[in-house]
């Protein structure tokens, strides 16, 4: 699993260094963001599992996975805004606040449905 992650991270780094985004086809551009999302998700899920095993957090694997899915969207979304030239400090603050509110809201909704 770690080898797969390293290969994907190396491929992503090579893609970033060797290509000009203005000359990429949309399919490759979207593939880049999908790969970035997958790397963010797997990194966050692995960190959550490690923290759970160490006793830092006491979450179920399902909650760790759900949290990693949500949190991995934030850096990818901000990078998408940056790539189209629409990222400002106001956008970062609004997007971060929106993600926090959505995370808290869905956390309460899922907590009610599981009890």
Protein backbone atom coordinates (compact mmCIF):
# COMPACT_ATOMS: atom_id res chain seq x y z
CA UNK A 1 0.00 0.00 0.00
CA UNK A 2 2.78 2.41 0.88
CA UNK A 3 4.60 1.56 -2.36
CA UNK A 4 1.44 2.38 -4.33
CA UNK A 5 1.15 5.69 -2.47
CA UNK A 6 4.81 6.52 -3.21
CA UNK A 7 4.37 5.71 -6.91
CA UNK A 8 1.25 7.89 -7.10
CA UNK A 9 2.98 10.76 -5.27
CA UNK A 10 6.01 10.48 -7.56
CA UNK A 11 3.77 10.48 -10.63
CA UNK A 12 1.90 13.50 -9.35
CA UNK A 13 5.17 15.33 -8.66
CA UNK A 14 6.48 14.48 -12.12
CA UNK A 15 3.24 15.67 -13.69
CA UNK A 16 3.49 18.96 -11.82
CA UNK A 17 7.11 19.55 -12.75
CA UNK A 18 7.08 18.43 -16.37
CA UNK A 19 3.84 19.89 -17.71
CA UNK A 20 2.41 23.30 -18.37
CA UNK A 21 -1.23 23.46 -17.21
CA UNK A 22 -2.11 25.81 -20.06
CA UNK A 23 -1.25 23.11 -22.61
CA UNK A 24 -2.90 20.14 -20.88
CA UNK A 25 -6.04 18.50 -22.14
CA UNK A 26 -9.00 18.72 -19.76
CA UNK A 27 -8.95 14.95 -19.14
CA UNK A 28 -5.37 15.02 -17.87
CA UNK A 29 -6.12 18.13 -15.83
CA UNK A 30 -9.09 16.44 -14.15
CA UNK A 31 -7.02 13.29 -13.67
CA UNK A 32 -4.43 15.34 -11.82
CA UNK A 33 -7.02 16.58 -9.33
CA UNK A 34 -8.45 13.08 -8.90
CA UNK A 35 -4.99 11.72 -8.16
CA UNK A 36 -4.37 14.56 -5.72
CA UNK A 37 -7.67 13.82 -3.97
CA UNK A 38 -6.79 10.14 -3.72
CA UNK A 39 -3.41 10.95 -2.20
CA UNK A 40 -4.93 13.40 0.29
CA UNK A 41 -7.61 10.91 1.27
CA UNK A 42 -5.21 8.01 1.73
CA UNK A 43 -2.80 10.15 3.74
CA UNK A 44 -5.54 11.42 6.04
CA UNK A 45 -7.11 7.97 6.46
CA UNK A 46 -3.74 6.43 7.29
CA UNK A 47 -3.02 9.20 9.80
CA UNK A 48 -6.45 8.65 11.38
CA UNK A 49 -5.88 4.90 11.67
CA UNK A 50 -2.44 5.44 13.22
CA UNK A 51 -3.84 7.98 15.71
CA UNK A 52 -6.63 5.56 16.55
CA UNK A 53 -4.16 2.73 17.19
CA UNK A 54 -2.04 5.02 19.38
CA UNK A 55 -5.09 6.00 21.42
CA UNK A 56 -4.99 9.68 20.45
CA UNK A 57 -8.53 9.43 19.06
CA UNK A 58 -11.22 6.83 19.69
CA UNK A 59 -13.05 6.77 16.38
CA UNK A 60 -14.45 3.94 14.34
CA UNK A 61 -12.86 3.12 11.01
CA UNK A 62 -16.06 4.30 9.32
CA UNK A 63 -15.82 7.71 11.00
CA UNK A 64 -12.12 8.00 10.13
CA UNK A 65 -12.89 7.20 6.49
CA UNK A 66 -15.81 9.64 6.35
CA UNK A 67 -13.73 12.41 7.91
CA UNK A 68 -10.82 11.77 5.53
CA UNK A 69 -13.22 11.88 2.56
CA UNK A 70 -14.54 15.26 3.65
CA UNK A 71 -11.26 16.86 4.70
CA UNK A 72 -9.43 15.75 1.54
CA UNK A 73 -11.81 17.92 -0.50
CA UNK A 74 -10.55 21.16 1.02
CA UNK A 75 -6.98 21.30 -0.38
CA UNK A 76 -8.13 19.97 -3.75
CA UNK A 77 -10.90 22.56 -4.00
CA UNK A 78 -8.51 25.36 -3.05
CA UNK A 79 -6.01 24.17 -5.64
CA UNK A 80 -8.75 24.11 -8.29
CA UNK A 81 -9.58 27.72 -7.45
CA UNK A 82 -5.89 28.61 -7.63
CA UNK A 83 -5.47 26.92 -11.00
CA UNK A 84 -8.25 28.99 -12.55
CA UNK A 85 -6.98 32.20 -10.96
CA UNK A 86 -9.88 32.64 -8.56
CA UNK A 87 -8.20 32.10 -5.20
CA UNK A 88 -8.11 35.01 -2.76
CA UNK A 89 -7.78 35.17 1.02
CA UNK A 90 -11.53 35.72 1.25
CA UNK A 91 -12.12 32.51 -0.74
CA UNK A 92 -9.80 30.56 1.57
CA UNK A 93 -11.58 31.82 4.68
CA UNK A 94 -15.06 31.27 3.25
CA UNK A 95 -14.23 27.79 1.96
CA UNK A 96 -12.58 26.75 5.22
CA UNK A 97 -15.54 28.04 7.23
CA UNK A 98 -17.99 26.26 4.95
CA UNK A 99 -16.11 22.97 5.29
CA UNK A 100 -16.05 23.28 9.08
CA UNK A 101 -19.78 23.99 9.21
CA UNK A 102 -20.58 21.12 6.84
CA UNK A 103 -18.38 18.75 8.83
CA UNK A 104 -20.11 19.68 12.09
CA UNK A 105 -23.56 19.45 10.50
CA UNK A 106 -23.00 16.05 8.91
CA UNK A 107 -21.34 14.82 12.10
CA UNK A 108 -24.54 15.58 14.01
CA UNK A 109 -26.75 14.05 11.29
CA UNK A 110 -24.72 10.83 11.22
CA UNK A 111 -24.62 10.69 15.02
CA UNK A 112 -28.43 10.85 15.15
CA UNK A 113 -28.92 8.16 12.50
CA UNK A 114 -26.52 5.70 14.14
CA UNK A 115 -28.18 5.81 17.58
